[in-house]
Amino acid sequence: MKLSSFQTTIENQFDYICKRGMEDEHIDYFIQFKKAFQLNLECFFAF
């Protein structure tokens, strides 16, 4: 059965929203890792 163009459009929009959500979460994890790494370096070189 062929999908209607409306259904295809909705599915594409949903896929895009999910993809953006995963990318944003990945960026947030990277920022937190970077902050933690910088903090560890500061503590290491403080001695």
C-alpha atoms as a PDB file:
ATOM      1  CA  MET A   1       0.000   0.000   0.000  1.00  0.00           C
ATOM      2  CA  LYS A   2       1.411   3.385  -0.984  1.00  0.00           C
ATOM      3  CA  LEU A   3       1.705   6.066   1.681  1.00  0.00           C
ATOM      4  CA  SER A   4      -0.020   9.364   1.138  1.00  0.00           C
ATOM      5  CA  SER A   5       2.184  12.429   0.780  1.00  0.00           C
ATOM      6  CA  PHE A   6       0.676  13.788   4.013  1.00  0.00           C
ATOM      7  CA  GLN A   7       1.678  10.675   5.958  1.00  0.00           C
ATOM      8  CA  THR A   8       5.168  10.736   4.436  1.00  0.00           C
ATOM      9  CA  THR A   9       5.551  14.393   5.400  1.00  0.00           C
ATOM     10  CA  ILE A  10       4.483  13.709   9.002  1.00  0.00           C
ATOM     11  CA  GLU A  11       6.899  10.761   9.252  1.00  0.00           C
ATOM     12  CA  ASN A  12       9.758  12.873   7.883  1.00  0.00           C
ATOM     13  CA  GLN A  13       9.024  15.655  10.365  1.00  0.00           C
ATOM     14  CA  PHE A  14       8.930  13.153  13.232  1.00  0.00           C
ATOM     15  CA  ASP A  15      12.236  11.634  12.117  1.00  0.00           C
ATOM     16  CA  TYR A  16      13.799  15.098  11.927  1.00  0.00           C
ATOM     17  CA  ILE A  17      12.599  16.025  15.421  1.00  0.00           C
ATOM     18  CA  CYS A  18      13.970  12.741  16.837  1.00  0.00           C
ATOM     19  CA  LYS A  19      17.300  13.254  15.069  1.00  0.00           C
ATOM     20  CA  ARG A  20      17.631  16.810  16.390  1.00  0.00           C
ATOM     21  CA  GLY A  21      16.803  15.637  19.910  1.00  0.00           C
ATOM     22  CA  MET A  22      19.532  12.997  19.786  1.00  0.00           C
ATOM     23  CA  GLU A  23      22.076  15.468  18.383  1.00  0.00           C
ATOM     24  CA  ASP A  24      21.239  18.033  21.085  1.00  0.00           C
ATOM     25  CA  GLU A  25      21.612  15.398  23.789  1.00  0.00           C
ATOM     26  CA  HIS A  26      24.964  14.317  22.325  1.00  0.00           C
ATOM     27  CA  ILE A  27      26.181  17.923  22.349  1.00  0.00           C
ATOM     28  CA  ASP A  28      25.045  18.346  25.993  1.00  0.00           C
ATOM     29  CA  TYR A  29      26.985  15.240  27.026  1.00  0.00           C
ATOM     30  CA  PHE A  30      30.066  16.506  25.185  1.00  0.00           C
ATOM     31  CA  ILE A  31      29.868  19.904  26.914  1.00  0.00           C
ATOM     32  CA  GLN A  32      29.530  18.255  30.340  1.00  0.00           C
ATOM     33  CA  PHE A  33      32.466  15.931  29.611  1.00  0.00           C
ATOM     34  CA  LYS A  34      34.582  18.874  28.482  1.00  0.00           C
ATOM     35  CA  LYS A  35      33.760  20.836  31.674  1.00  0.00           C
ATOM     36  CA  ALA A  36      34.571  17.832  33.881  1.00  0.00           C
ATOM     37  CA  PHE A  37      37.843  17.225  32.041  1.00  0.00           C
ATOM     38  CA  GLN A  38      38.900  20.876  32.427  1.00  0.00           C
ATOM     39  CA  LEU A  39      38.045  20.775  36.128  1.00  0.00           C
ATOM     40  CA  ASN A  40      40.127  17.616  36.585  1.00  0.00           C
ATOM     41  CA  LEU A  41      43.072  19.255  34.817  1.00  0.00           C
ATOM     42  CA  GLU A  42      42.817  22.324  37.059  1.00  0.00           C
ATOM     43  CA  CYS A  43      42.813  20.126  40.164  1.00  0.00           C
ATOM     44  CA  PHE A  44      45.733  18.073  38.877  1.00  0.00           C
ATOM     45  CA  PHE A  45      47.936  21.088  38.179  1.00  0.00           C
ATOM     46  CA  ALA A  46      46.984  22.870  41.416  1.00  0.00           C
ATOM     47  CA  PHE A  47      49.433  20.733  43.401  1.00  0.00           C
END
